[in-house]
Amino acid sequence: MEANNTTTLYRPVGPQELELIKESGFRRFPPRLPEQPIFYPVTNEEYAIQISRDWNLPAYGSGFVTEFEVPTSYLSRYPVQNVGGIIHDEHWVPAEELDEFNDQIIGLIRVTKEFH
């Protein structure tokens, strides 16, 4: 979704990642682990809910959907990648670019859904 030259993105997270987001004041996503070469925010809440509910909840005991805004012009450097069904659209941000990506977040990262 685009508004005022920003794009709303979503990120499904587990409890440990959410704790690190809280520690940043809800301003940054934590660095990727060595086995995670990309950061992949998703383009719609439905997909983020699916991941949080169907994957994070069974794996970690809870799952959360976060929502945040970035400038549309900045996001254009990361083309949409479809990884399955019609709703499965993501942007692939290389792990080494996550600090710069975090610097582009406008406002705070918000938790919109919780699954326990």
PDB file of N, CA and C in Angstrom:
ATOM      1  N   MET A   1       0.832  -1.170   0.000  1.00  0.00           N
ATOM      2  CA  MET A   1       0.000   0.000   0.000  1.00  0.00           C
ATOM      3  C   MET A   1       0.887   1.248   0.000  1.00  0.00           C
ATOM      4  N   GLU A   2       0.560   2.203  -0.846  1.00  0.00           N
ATOM      5  CA  GLU A   2       1.334   3.441  -0.935  1.00  0.00           C
ATOM      6  C   GLU A   2       0.484   4.627  -0.499  1.00  0.00           C
ATOM      7  N   ALA A   3       1.088   5.530   0.247  1.00  0.00           N
ATOM      8  CA  ALA A   3       0.431   6.772   0.643  1.00  0.00           C
ATOM      9  C   ALA A   3       1.507   7.810   0.915  1.00  0.00           C
ATOM     10  N   ASN A   4       1.301   9.009   0.384  1.00  0.00           N
ATOM     11  CA  ASN A   4       2.236  10.103   0.646  1.00  0.00           C
ATOM     12  C   ASN A   4       3.680   9.723   0.328  1.00  0.00           C
ATOM     13  N   ASN A   5       3.892   9.015  -0.764  1.00  0.00           N
ATOM     14  CA  ASN A   5       5.233   8.618  -1.198  1.00  0.00           C
ATOM     15  C   ASN A   5       5.917   7.655  -0.242  1.00  0.00           C
ATOM     16  N   THR A   6       5.129   6.957   0.567  1.00  0.00           N
ATOM     17  CA  THR A   6       5.669   5.897   1.407  1.00  0.00           C
ATOM     18  C   THR A   6       4.948   4.600   1.066  1.00  0.00           C
ATOM     19  N   THR A   7       5.583   3.500   1.393  1.00  0.00           N
ATOM     20  CA  THR A   7       4.977   2.191   1.207  1.00  0.00           C
ATOM     21  C   THR A   7       4.906   1.512   2.565  1.00  0.00           C
ATOM     22  N   THR A   8       3.757   0.931   2.856  1.00  0.00           N
ATOM     23  CA  THR A   8       3.575   0.151   4.070  1.00  0.00           C
ATOM     24  C   THR A   8       4.039  -1.269   3.809  1.00  0.00           C
ATOM     25  N   LEU A   9       4.894  -1.751   4.688  1.00  0.00           N
ATOM     26  CA  LEU A   9       5.388  -3.125   4.612  1.00  0.00           C
ATOM     27  C   LEU A   9       5.071  -3.838   5.915  1.00  0.00           C
ATOM     28  N   TYR A  10       5.175  -5.149   5.869  1.00  0.00           N
ATOM     29  CA  TYR A  10       4.883  -5.990   7.026  1.00  0.00           C
ATOM     30  C   TYR A  10       6.032  -6.956   7.236  1.00  0.00           C
ATOM     31  N   ARG A  11       6.231  -7.336   8.489  1.00  0.00           N
ATOM     32  CA  ARG A  11       7.287  -8.290   8.805  1.00  0.00           C
ATOM     33  C   ARG A  11       6.771  -9.230   9.887  1.00  0.00           C
ATOM     34  N   PRO A  12       6.636 -10.514   9.559  1.00  0.00           N
ATOM     35  CA  PRO A  12       6.280 -11.478  10.588  1.00  0.00           C
ATOM     36  C   PRO A  12       7.508 -11.795  11.432  1.00  0.00           C
ATOM     37  N   VAL A  13       7.343 -11.793  12.752  1.00  0.00           N
ATOM     38  CA  VAL A  13       8.478 -12.039  13.649  1.00  0.00           C
ATOM     39  C   VAL A  13       8.065 -12.973  14.780  1.00  0.00           C
ATOM     40  N   GLY A  14       9.059 -13.636  15.334  1.00  0.00           N
ATOM     41  CA  GLY A  14       8.865 -14.439  16.526  1.00  0.00           C
ATOM     42  C   GLY A  14       9.163 -13.611  17.760  1.00  0.00           C
ATOM     43  N   PRO A  15       9.025 -14.204  18.943  1.00  0.00           N
ATOM     44  CA  PRO A  15       9.205 -13.442  20.187  1.00  0.00           C
ATOM     45  C   PRO A  15      10.614 -12.893  20.391  1.00  0.00           C
ATOM     46  N   GLN A  16      11.645 -13.620  19.979  1.00  0.00           N
ATOM     47  CA  GLN A  16      13.013 -13.118  20.181  1.00  0.00           C
ATOM     48  C   GLN A  16      13.285 -11.903  19.297  1.00  0.00           C
ATOM     49  N   GLU A  17      12.852 -11.968  18.038  1.00  0.00           N
ATOM     50  CA  GLU A  17      13.052 -10.819  17.149  1.00  0.00           C
ATOM     51  C   GLU A  17      12.242  -9.627  17.638  1.00  0.00           C
ATOM     52  N   LEU A  18      11.019  -9.869  18.134  1.00  0.00           N
ATOM     53  CA  LEU A  18      10.214  -8.775  18.656  1.00  0.00           C
ATOM     54  C   LEU A  18      10.901  -8.111  19.846  1.00  0.00           C
ATOM     55  N   GLU A  19      11.516  -8.894  20.700  1.00  0.00           N
ATOM     56  CA  GLU A  19      12.217  -8.327  21.863  1.00  0.00           C
ATOM     57  C   GLU A  19      13.350  -7.396  21.410  1.00  0.00           C
ATOM     58  N   LEU A  20      14.076  -7.793  20.372  1.00  0.00           N
ATOM     59  CA  LEU A  20      15.154  -6.944  19.844  1.00  0.00           C
ATOM     60  C   LEU A  20      14.596  -5.668  19.205  1.00  0.00           C
ATOM     61  N   ILE A  21      13.451  -5.776  18.560  1.00  0.00           N
ATOM     62  CA  ILE A  21      12.800  -4.583  17.999  1.00  0.00           C
ATOM     63  C   ILE A  21      12.405  -3.636  19.133  1.00  0.00           C
ATOM     64  N   LYS A  22      11.842  -4.192  20.211  1.00  0.00           N
ATOM     65  CA  LYS A  22      11.486  -3.373  21.388  1.00  0.00           C
ATOM     66  C   LYS A  22      12.710  -2.661  21.934  1.00  0.00           C
ATOM     67  N   GLU A  23      13.839  -3.386  22.042  1.00  0.00           N
ATOM     68  CA  GLU A  23      15.068  -2.795  22.581  1.00  0.00           C
ATOM     69  C   GLU A  23      15.554  -1.621  21.735  1.00  0.00           C
ATOM     70  N   SER A  24      15.200  -1.605  20.451  1.00  0.00           N
ATOM     71  CA  SER A  24      15.598  -0.493  19.578  1.00  0.00           C
ATOM     72  C   SER A  24      14.629   0.684  19.684  1.00  0.00           C
ATOM     73  N   GLY A  25      13.635   0.583  20.553  1.00  0.00           N
ATOM     74  CA  GLY A  25      12.617   1.630  20.627  1.00  0.00           C
ATOM     75  C   GLY A  25      11.628   1.534  19.486  1.00  0.00           C
ATOM     76  N   PHE A  26      11.464   0.332  18.925  1.00  0.00           N
ATOM     77  CA  PHE A  26      10.588   0.073  17.780  1.00  0.00           C
ATOM     78  C   PHE A  26      11.019   0.876  16.546  1.00  0.00           C
ATOM     79  N   ARG A  27      12.339   1.033  16.392  1.00  0.00           N
ATOM     80  CA  ARG A  27      12.867   1.797  15.258  1.00  0.00           C
ATOM     81  C   ARG A  27      13.697   0.968  14.283  1.00  0.00           C
ATOM     82  N   ARG A  28      14.121  -0.243  14.696  1.00  0.00           N
ATOM     83  CA  ARG A  28      15.041  -1.009  13.846  1.00  0.00           C
ATOM     84  C   ARG A  28      14.760  -2.506  13.951  1.00  0.00           C
ATOM     85  N   PHE A  29      15.030  -3.182  12.842  1.00  0.00           N
ATOM     86  CA  PHE A  29      15.021  -4.637  12.845  1.00  0.00           C
ATOM     87  C   PHE A  29      16.433  -5.113  13.165  1.00  0.00           C
ATOM     88  N   PRO A  30      16.558  -6.221  13.901  1.00  0.00           N
ATOM     89  CA  PRO A  30      17.888  -6.692  14.302  1.00  0.00           C
ATOM     90  C   PRO A  30      18.677  -7.243  13.124  1.00  0.00           C
ATOM     91  N   PRO A  31      19.999  -7.275  13.272  1.00  0.00           N
ATOM     92  CA  PRO A  31      20.838  -7.844  12.209  1.00  0.00           C
ATOM     93  C   PRO A  31      20.433  -9.294  11.929  1.00  0.00           C
ATOM     94  N   ARG A  32      20.662  -9.700  10.718  1.00  0.00           N
ATOM     95  CA  ARG A  32      20.368 -11.074  10.323  1.00  0.00           C
ATOM     96  C   ARG A  32      21.427 -12.002  10.917  1.00  0.00           C
ATOM     97  N   LEU A  33      21.042 -13.242  11.124  1.00  0.00           N
ATOM     98  CA  LEU A  33      21.982 -14.261  11.574  1.00  0.00           C
ATOM     99  C   LEU A  33      22.806 -14.731  10.386  1.00  0.00           C
ATOM    100  N   PRO A  34      23.957 -15.346  10.617  1.00  0.00           N
ATOM    101  CA  PRO A  34      24.812 -15.769   9.493  1.00  0.00           C
ATOM    102  C   PRO A  34      24.086 -16.653   8.463  1.00  0.00           C
ATOM    103  N   GLU A  35      23.144 -17.466   8.923  1.00  0.00           N
ATOM    104  CA  GLU A  35      22.425 -18.340   7.987  1.00  0.00           C
ATOM    105  C   GLU A  35      21.230 -17.647   7.323  1.00  0.00           C
ATOM    106  N   GLN A  36      21.078 -16.337   7.544  1.00  0.00           N
ATOM    107  CA  GLN A  36      19.981 -15.565   6.970  1.00  0.00           C
ATOM    108  C   GLN A  36      20.544 -14.461   6.065  1.00  0.00           C
ATOM    109  N   PRO A  37      20.763 -14.760   4.795  1.00  0.00           N
ATOM    110  CA  PRO A  37      21.414 -13.788   3.916  1.00  0.00           C
ATOM    111  C   PRO A  37      20.531 -12.625   3.473  1.00  0.00           C
ATOM    112  N   ILE A  38      19.209 -12.746   3.684  1.00  0.00           N
ATOM    113  CA  ILE A  38      18.325 -11.646   3.280  1.00  0.00           C
ATOM    114  C   ILE A  38      17.339 -11.319   4.391  1.00  0.00           C
ATOM    115  N   PHE A  39      16.902 -10.079   4.383  1.00  0.00           N
ATOM    116  CA  PHE A  39      15.791  -9.599   5.203  1.00  0.00           C
ATOM    117  C   PHE A  39      14.632  -9.461   4.238  1.00  0.00           C
ATOM    118  N   TYR A  40      13.492 -10.045   4.568  1.00  0.00           N
ATOM    119  CA  TYR A  40      12.404 -10.019   3.606  1.00  0.00           C
ATOM    120  C   TYR A  40      11.104  -9.466   4.196  1.00  0.00           C
ATOM    121  N   PRO A  41      10.922  -8.162   4.133  1.00  0.00           N
ATOM    122  CA  PRO A  41       9.612  -7.624   4.484  1.00  0.00           C
ATOM    123  C   PRO A  41       8.613  -8.037   3.405  1.00  0.00           C
ATOM    124  N   VAL A  42       7.366  -8.235   3.816  1.00  0.00           N
ATOM    125  CA  VAL A  42       6.345  -8.666   2.869  1.00  0.00           C
ATOM    126  C   VAL A  42       5.421  -7.504   2.540  1.00  0.00           C
ATOM    127  N   THR A  43       4.703  -7.635   1.435  1.00  0.00           N
ATOM    128  CA  THR A  43       3.951  -6.507   0.901  1.00  0.00           C
ATOM    129  C   THR A  43       2.517  -6.402   1.398  1.00  0.00           C
ATOM    130  N   ASN A  44       2.031  -7.440   2.099  1.00  0.00           N
ATOM    131  CA  ASN A  44       0.643  -7.381   2.549  1.00  0.00           C
ATOM    132  C   ASN A  44       0.468  -8.078   3.883  1.00  0.00           C
ATOM    133  N   GLU A  45      -0.489  -7.592   4.646  1.00  0.00           N
ATOM    134  CA  GLU A  45      -0.707  -8.120   5.994  1.00  0.00           C
ATOM    135  C   GLU A  45      -1.201  -9.561   5.960  1.00  0.00           C
ATOM    136  N   GLU A  46      -1.980  -9.925   4.975  1.00  0.00           N
ATOM    137  CA  GLU A  46      -2.496 -11.295   4.883  1.00  0.00           C
ATOM    138  C   GLU A  46      -1.356 -12.325   4.860  1.00  0.00           C
ATOM    139  N   TYR A  47      -0.336 -12.045   4.072  1.00  0.00           N
ATOM    140  CA  TYR A  47       0.828 -12.939   3.993  1.00  0.00           C
ATOM    141  C   TYR A  47       1.581 -12.958   5.322  1.00  0.00           C
ATOM    142  N   ALA A  48       1.766 -11.789   5.943  1.00  0.00           N
ATOM    143  CA  ALA A  48       2.462 -11.722   7.229  1.00  0.00           C
ATOM    144  C   ALA A  48       1.687 -12.494   8.303  1.00  0.00           C
ATOM    145  N   ILE A  49       0.370 -12.404   8.287  1.00  0.00           N
ATOM    146  CA  ILE A  49      -0.457 -13.167   9.227  1.00  0.00           C
ATOM    147  C   ILE A  49      -0.257 -14.661   9.002  1.00  0.00           C
ATOM    148  N   GLN A  50      -0.262 -15.069   7.752  1.00  0.00           N
ATOM    149  CA  GLN A  50      -0.077 -16.483   7.429  1.00  0.00           C
ATOM    150  C   GLN A  50       1.241 -17.016   7.991  1.00  0.00           C
ATOM    151  N   ILE A  51       2.325 -16.281   7.810  1.00  0.00           N
ATOM    152  CA  ILE A  51       3.633 -16.714   8.317  1.00  0.00           C
ATOM    153  C   ILE A  51       3.627 -16.741   9.848  1.00  0.00           C
ATOM    154  N   SER A  52       3.115 -15.677  10.458  1.00  0.00           N
ATOM    155  CA  SER A  52       3.121 -15.594  11.924  1.00  0.00           C
ATOM    156  C   SER A  52       2.282 -16.709  12.552  1.00  0.00           C
ATOM    157  N   ARG A  53       1.110 -16.930  12.012  1.00  0.00           N
ATOM    158  CA  ARG A  53       0.180 -17.909  12.571  1.00  0.00           C
ATOM    159  C   ARG A  53       0.600 -19.347  12.268  1.00  0.00           C
ATOM    160  N   ASP A  54       1.002 -19.596  11.009  1.00  0.00           N
ATOM    161  CA  ASP A  54       1.237 -20.972  10.573  1.00  0.00           C
ATOM    162  C   ASP A  54       2.668 -21.446  10.775  1.00  0.00           C
ATOM    163  N   TRP A  55       3.635 -20.527  10.866  1.00  0.00           N
ATOM    164  CA  TRP A  55       5.038 -20.920  11.006  1.00  0.00           C
ATOM    165  C   TRP A  55       5.623 -20.479  12.342  1.00  0.00           C
ATOM    166  N   ASN A  56       5.524 -19.184  12.661  1.00  0.00           N
ATOM    167  CA  ASN A  56       6.150 -18.681  13.884  1.00  0.00           C
ATOM    168  C   ASN A  56       5.472 -19.218  15.146  1.00  0.00           C
ATOM    169  N   LEU A  57       4.146 -19.257  15.163  1.00  0.00           N
ATOM    170  CA  LEU A  57       3.439 -19.749  16.344  1.00  0.00           C
ATOM    171  C   LEU A  57       3.838 -21.190  16.675  1.00  0.00           C
ATOM    172  N   PRO A  58       3.783 -22.133  15.727  1.00  0.00           N
ATOM    173  CA  PRO A  58       4.202 -23.498  16.076  1.00  0.00           C
ATOM    174  C   PRO A  58       5.701 -23.598  16.420  1.00  0.00           C
ATOM    175  N   ALA A  59       6.525 -22.827  15.740  1.00  0.00           N
ATOM    176  CA  ALA A  59       7.975 -22.937  15.940  1.00  0.00           C
ATOM    177  C   ALA A  59       8.448 -22.266  17.234  1.00  0.00           C
ATOM    178  N   TYR A  60       7.827 -21.133  17.603  1.00  0.00           N
ATOM    179  CA  TYR A  60       8.337 -20.324  18.715  1.00  0.00           C
ATOM    180  C   TYR A  60       7.335 -20.119  19.850  1.00  0.00           C
ATOM    181  N   GLY A  61       6.136 -20.629  19.704  1.00  0.00           N
ATOM    182  CA  GLY A  61       5.122 -20.467  20.740  1.00  0.00           C
ATOM    183  C   GLY A  61       4.314 -19.190  20.632  1.00  0.00           C
ATOM    184  N   SER A  62       4.745 -18.281  19.782  1.00  0.00           N
ATOM    185  CA  SER A  62       3.990 -17.058  19.496  1.00  0.00           C
ATOM    186  C   SER A  62       4.518 -16.459  18.199  1.00  0.00           C
ATOM    187  N   GLY A  63       3.680 -15.651  17.593  1.00  0.00           N
ATOM    188  CA  GLY A  63       4.056 -14.969  16.356  1.00  0.00           C
ATOM    189  C   GLY A  63       3.433 -13.589  16.341  1.00  0.00           C
ATOM    190  N   PHE A  64       4.098 -12.659  15.690  1.00  0.00           N
ATOM    191  CA  PHE A  64       3.660 -11.274  15.672  1.00  0.00           C
ATOM    192  C   PHE A  64       3.782 -10.722  14.260  1.00  0.00           C
ATOM    193  N   VAL A  65       2.859  -9.842  13.904  1.00  0.00           N
ATOM    194  CA  VAL A  65       2.930  -9.124  12.640  1.00  0.00           C
ATOM    195  C   VAL A  65       3.320  -7.694  12.950  1.00  0.00           C
ATOM    196  N   THR A  66       4.376  -7.228  12.311  1.00  0.00           N
ATOM    197  CA  THR A  66       4.762  -5.829  12.454  1.00  0.00           C
ATOM    198  C   THR A  66       4.471  -5.102  11.144  1.00  0.00           C
ATOM    199  N   GLU A  67       4.256  -3.809  11.268  1.00  0.00           N
ATOM    200  CA  GLU A  67       3.938  -2.948  10.125  1.00  0.00           C
ATOM    201  C   GLU A  67       4.806  -1.705  10.234  1.00  0.00           C
ATOM    202  N   PHE A  68       5.289  -1.231   9.093  1.00  0.00           N
ATOM    203  CA  PHE A  68       6.139  -0.042   9.106  1.00  0.00           C
ATOM    204  C   PHE A  68       6.125   0.599   7.726  1.00  0.00           C
ATOM    205  N   GLU A  69       6.651   1.808   7.655  1.00  0.00           N
ATOM    206  CA  GLU A  69       6.661   2.598   6.421  1.00  0.00           C
ATOM    207  C   GLU A  69       8.086   2.888   5.979  1.00  0.00           C
ATOM    208  N   VAL A  70       8.287   2.850   4.670  1.00  0.00           N
ATOM    209  CA  VAL A  70       9.555   3.294   4.083  1.00  0.00           C
ATOM    210  C   VAL A  70       9.238   4.141   2.854  1.00  0.00           C
ATOM    211  N   PRO A  71      10.153   5.011   2.456  1.00  0.00           N
ATOM    212  CA  PRO A  71       9.920   5.786   1.240  1.00  0.00           C
ATOM    213  C   PRO A  71       9.807   4.861   0.016  1.00  0.00           C
ATOM    214  N   THR A  72       8.798   5.089  -0.775  1.00  0.00           N
ATOM    215  CA  THR A  72       8.582   4.277  -1.978  1.00  0.00           C
ATOM    216  C   THR A  72       9.781   4.373  -2.911  1.00  0.00           C
ATOM    217  N   SER A  73      10.367   5.555  -3.021  1.00  0.00           N
ATOM    218  CA  SER A  73      11.515   5.723  -3.926  1.00  0.00           C
ATOM    219  C   SER A  73      12.696   4.869  -3.477  1.00  0.00           C
ATOM    220  N   TYR A  74      12.917   4.764  -2.174  1.00  0.00           N
ATOM    221  CA  TYR A  74      14.001   3.922  -1.659  1.00  0.00           C
ATOM    222  C   TYR A  74      13.684   2.448  -1.908  1.00  0.00           C
ATOM    223  N   LEU A  75      12.467   2.044  -1.616  1.00  0.00           N
ATOM    224  CA  LEU A  75      12.074   0.636  -1.752  1.00  0.00           C
ATOM    225  C   LEU A  75      12.196   0.135  -3.190  1.00  0.00           C
ATOM    226  N   SER A  76      12.120   1.031  -4.144  1.00  0.00           N
ATOM    227  CA  SER A  76      12.165   0.621  -5.555  1.00  0.00           C
ATOM    228  C   SER A  76      13.473  -0.075  -5.926  1.00  0.00           C
ATOM    229  N   ARG A  77      14.504   0.067  -5.121  1.00  0.00           N
ATOM    230  CA  ARG A  77      15.768  -0.636  -5.415  1.00  0.00           C
ATOM    231  C   ARG A  77      15.666  -2.133  -5.130  1.00  0.00           C
ATOM    232  N   TYR A  78      14.603  -2.541  -4.447  1.00  0.00           N
ATOM    233  CA  TYR A  78      14.394  -3.956  -4.099  1.00  0.00           C
ATOM    234  C   TYR A  78      13.107  -4.449  -4.772  1.00  0.00           C
ATOM    235  N   PRO A  79      13.197  -4.996  -5.977  1.00  0.00           N
ATOM    236  CA  PRO A  79      11.989  -5.418  -6.693  1.00  0.00           C
ATOM    237  C   PRO A  79      11.199  -6.465  -5.906  1.00  0.00           C
ATOM    238  N   VAL A  80       9.903  -6.493  -6.146  1.00  0.00           N
ATOM    239  CA  VAL A  80       9.040  -7.490  -5.518  1.00  0.00           C
ATOM    240  C   VAL A  80       9.419  -8.876  -6.033  1.00  0.00           C
ATOM    241  N   GLN A  81       9.510  -9.804  -5.094  1.00  0.00           N
ATOM    242  CA  GLN A  81       9.785 -11.207  -5.414  1.00  0.00           C
ATOM    243  C   GLN A  81       8.548 -12.011  -5.012  1.00  0.00           C
ATOM    244  N   ASN A  82       7.985 -12.761  -5.944  1.00  0.00           N
ATOM    245  CA  ASN A  82       6.873 -13.634  -5.600  1.00  0.00           C
ATOM    246  C   ASN A  82       7.435 -15.006  -5.284  1.00  0.00           C
ATOM    247  N   VAL A  83       7.086 -15.540  -4.104  1.00  0.00           N
ATOM    248  CA  VAL A  83       7.678 -16.797  -3.645  1.00  0.00           C
ATOM    249  C   VAL A  83       6.649 -17.913  -3.509  1.00  0.00           C
ATOM    250  N   GLY A  84       5.548 -17.790  -4.201  1.00  0.00           N
ATOM    251  CA  GLY A  84       4.529 -18.843  -4.124  1.00  0.00           C
ATOM    252  C   GLY A  84       3.217 -18.377  -4.703  1.00  0.00           C
ATOM    253  N   GLY A  85       2.216 -18.275  -3.844  1.00  0.00           N
ATOM    254  CA  GLY A  85       0.877 -17.894  -4.265  1.00  0.00           C
ATOM    255  C   GLY A  85       0.750 -16.410  -4.541  1.00  0.00           C
ATOM    256  N   ILE A  86      -0.450 -16.026  -4.914  1.00  0.00           N
ATOM    257  CA  ILE A  86      -0.708 -14.651  -5.338  1.00  0.00           C
ATOM    258  C   ILE A  86      -0.395 -13.622  -4.249  1.00  0.00           C
ATOM    259  N   ILE A  87      -0.525 -13.995  -2.966  1.00  0.00           N
ATOM    260  CA  ILE A  87      -0.251 -13.033  -1.886  1.00  0.00           C
ATOM    261  C   ILE A  87       1.187 -13.083  -1.399  1.00  0.00           C
ATOM    262  N   HIS A  88       1.994 -13.976  -1.915  1.00  0.00           N
ATOM    263  CA  HIS A  88       3.333 -14.219  -1.368  1.00  0.00           C
ATOM    264  C   HIS A  88       4.392 -13.334  -2.015  1.00  0.00           C
ATOM    265  N   ASP A  89       4.241 -12.037  -1.821  1.00  0.00           N
ATOM    266  CA  ASP A  89       5.176 -11.052  -2.367  1.00  0.00           C
ATOM    267  C   ASP A  89       6.054 -10.485  -1.261  1.00  0.00           C
ATOM    268  N   GLU A  90       7.348 -10.406  -1.549  1.00  0.00           N
ATOM    269  CA  GLU A  90       8.352  -9.928  -0.598  1.00  0.00           C
ATOM    270  C   GLU A  90       9.326  -9.006  -1.324  1.00  0.00           C
ATOM    271  N   HIS A  91      10.039  -8.223  -0.550  1.00  0.00           N
ATOM    272  CA  HIS A  91      11.210  -7.495  -1.041  1.00  0.00           C
ATOM    273  C   HIS A  91      12.416  -8.158  -0.395  1.00  0.00           C
ATOM    274  N   TRP A  92      13.452  -8.416  -1.171  1.00  0.00           N
ATOM    275  CA  TRP A  92      14.652  -9.064  -0.644  1.00  0.00           C
ATOM    276  C   TRP A  92      15.738  -8.023  -0.436  1.00  0.00           C
ATOM    277  N   VAL A  93      16.055  -7.772   0.822  1.00  0.00           N
ATOM    278  CA  VAL A  93      17.090  -6.814   1.199  1.00  0.00           C
ATOM    279  C   VAL A  93      18.302  -7.623   1.662  1.00  0.00           C
ATOM    280  N   PRO A  94      19.437  -7.516   0.976  1.00  0.00           N
ATOM    281  CA  PRO A  94      20.628  -8.248   1.440  1.00  0.00           C
ATOM    282  C   PRO A  94      20.955  -7.885   2.890  1.00  0.00           C
ATOM    283  N   ALA A  95      21.360  -8.881   3.658  1.00  0.00           N
ATOM    284  CA  ALA A  95      21.634  -8.678   5.083  1.00  0.00           C
ATOM    285  C   ALA A  95      22.592  -7.526   5.320  1.00  0.00           C
ATOM    286  N   GLU A  96      23.583  -7.371   4.449  1.00  0.00           N
ATOM    287  CA  GLU A  96      24.577  -6.312   4.652  1.00  0.00           C
ATOM    288  C   GLU A  96      23.997  -4.910   4.408  1.00  0.00           C
ATOM    289  N   GLU A  97      22.779  -4.822   3.861  1.00  0.00           N
ATOM    290  CA  GLU A  97      22.133  -3.532   3.626  1.00  0.00           C
ATOM    291  C   GLU A  97      21.044  -3.226   4.661  1.00  0.00           C
ATOM    292  N   LEU A  98      20.884  -4.089   5.660  1.00  0.00           N
ATOM    293  CA  LEU A  98      19.793  -3.898   6.618  1.00  0.00           C
ATOM    294  C   LEU A  98      19.953  -2.632   7.449  1.00  0.00           C
ATOM    295  N   ASP A  99      21.164  -2.253   7.838  1.00  0.00           N
ATOM    296  CA  ASP A  99      21.339  -1.008   8.598  1.00  0.00           C
ATOM    297  C   ASP A  99      20.827   0.188   7.801  1.00  0.00           C
ATOM    298  N   GLU A 100      21.188   0.246   6.529  1.00  0.00           N
ATOM    299  CA  GLU A 100      20.714   1.339   5.672  1.00  0.00           C
ATOM    300  C   GLU A 100      19.194   1.278   5.533  1.00  0.00           C
ATOM    301  N   PHE A 101      18.650   0.080   5.361  1.00  0.00           N
ATOM    302  CA  PHE A 101      17.202  -0.086   5.261  1.00  0.00           C
ATOM    303  C   PHE A 101      16.527   0.434   6.533  1.00  0.00           C
ATOM    304  N   ASN A 102      17.056   0.048   7.691  1.00  0.00           N
ATOM    305  CA  ASN A 102      16.501   0.518   8.964  1.00  0.00           C
ATOM    306  C   ASN A 102      16.505   2.036   9.054  1.00  0.00           C
ATOM    307  N   ASP A 103      17.544   2.673   8.518  1.00  0.00           N
ATOM    308  CA  ASP A 103      17.627   4.138   8.534  1.00  0.00           C
ATOM    309  C   ASP A 103      16.502   4.785   7.738  1.00  0.00           C
ATOM    310  N   GLN A 104      15.889   4.021   6.825  1.00  0.00           N
ATOM    311  CA  GLN A 104      14.828   4.551   5.973  1.00  0.00           C
ATOM    312  C   GLN A 104      13.432   4.426   6.596  1.00  0.00           C
ATOM    313  N   ILE A 105      13.308   3.682   7.681  1.00  0.00           N
ATOM    314  CA  ILE A 105      11.995   3.490   8.302  1.00  0.00           C
ATOM    315  C   ILE A 105      11.482   4.832   8.813  1.00  0.00           C
ATOM    316  N   ILE A 106      10.254   5.138   8.437  1.00  0.00           N
ATOM    317  CA  ILE A 106       9.609   6.388   8.838  1.00  0.00           C
ATOM    318  C   ILE A 106       8.719   6.090  10.036  1.00  0.00           C
ATOM    319  N   GLY A 107       8.962   6.766  11.128  1.00  0.00           N
ATOM    320  CA  GLY A 107       8.158   6.523  12.328  1.00  0.00           C
ATOM    321  C   GLY A 107       8.581   5.241  13.017  1.00  0.00           C
ATOM    322  N   LEU A 108       7.622   4.615  13.679  1.00  0.00           N
ATOM    323  CA  LEU A 108       7.903   3.434  14.470  1.00  0.00           C
ATOM    324  C   LEU A 108       7.415   2.158  13.792  1.00  0.00           C
ATOM    325  N   ILE A 109       8.012   1.055  14.177  1.00  0.00           N
ATOM    326  CA  ILE A 109       7.539  -0.270  13.787  1.00  0.00           C
ATOM    327  C   ILE A 109       6.396  -0.604  14.740  1.00  0.00           C
ATOM    328  N   ARG A 110       5.238  -0.971  14.181  1.00  0.00           N
ATOM    329  CA  ARG A 110       4.053  -1.232  14.989  1.00  0.00           C
ATOM    330  C   ARG A 110       3.698  -2.720  14.964  1.00  0.00           C
ATOM    331  N   VAL A 111       3.270  -3.262  16.079  1.00  0.00           N
ATOM    332  CA  VAL A 111       2.755  -4.628  16.133  1.00  0.00           C
ATOM    333  C   VAL A 111       1.254  -4.545  15.849  1.00  0.00           C
ATOM    334  N   THR A 112       0.800  -5.237  14.794  1.00  0.00           N
ATOM    335  CA  THR A 112      -0.623  -5.174  14.418  1.00  0.00           C
ATOM    336  C   THR A 112      -1.391  -6.436  14.781  1.00  0.00           C
ATOM    337  N   LYS A 113      -0.700  -7.557  14.899  1.00  0.00           N
ATOM    338  CA  LYS A 113      -1.378  -8.827  15.236  1.00  0.00           C
ATOM    339  C   LYS A 113      -0.465  -9.645  16.116  1.00  0.00           C
ATOM    340  N   GLU A 114      -1.090 -10.427  17.016  1.00  0.00           N
ATOM    341  CA  GLU A 114      -0.340 -11.343  17.888  1.00  0.00           C
ATOM    342  C   GLU A 114      -1.030 -12.696  17.858  1.00  0.00           C
ATOM    343  N   PHE A 115      -0.222 -13.746  17.848  1.00  0.00           N
ATOM    344  CA  PHE A 115      -0.733 -15.125  17.888  1.00  0.00           C
ATOM    345  C   PHE A 115      -0.027 -15.853  19.025  1.00  0.00           C
ATOM    346  N   HIS A 116      -0.828 -16.426  19.938  1.00  0.00           N
ATOM    347  CA  HIS A 116      -0.264 -17.134  21.103  1.00  0.00           C
ATOM    348  C   HIS A 116      -0.902 -18.515  21.218  1.00  0.00           C
TER     349      HIS A 116
END
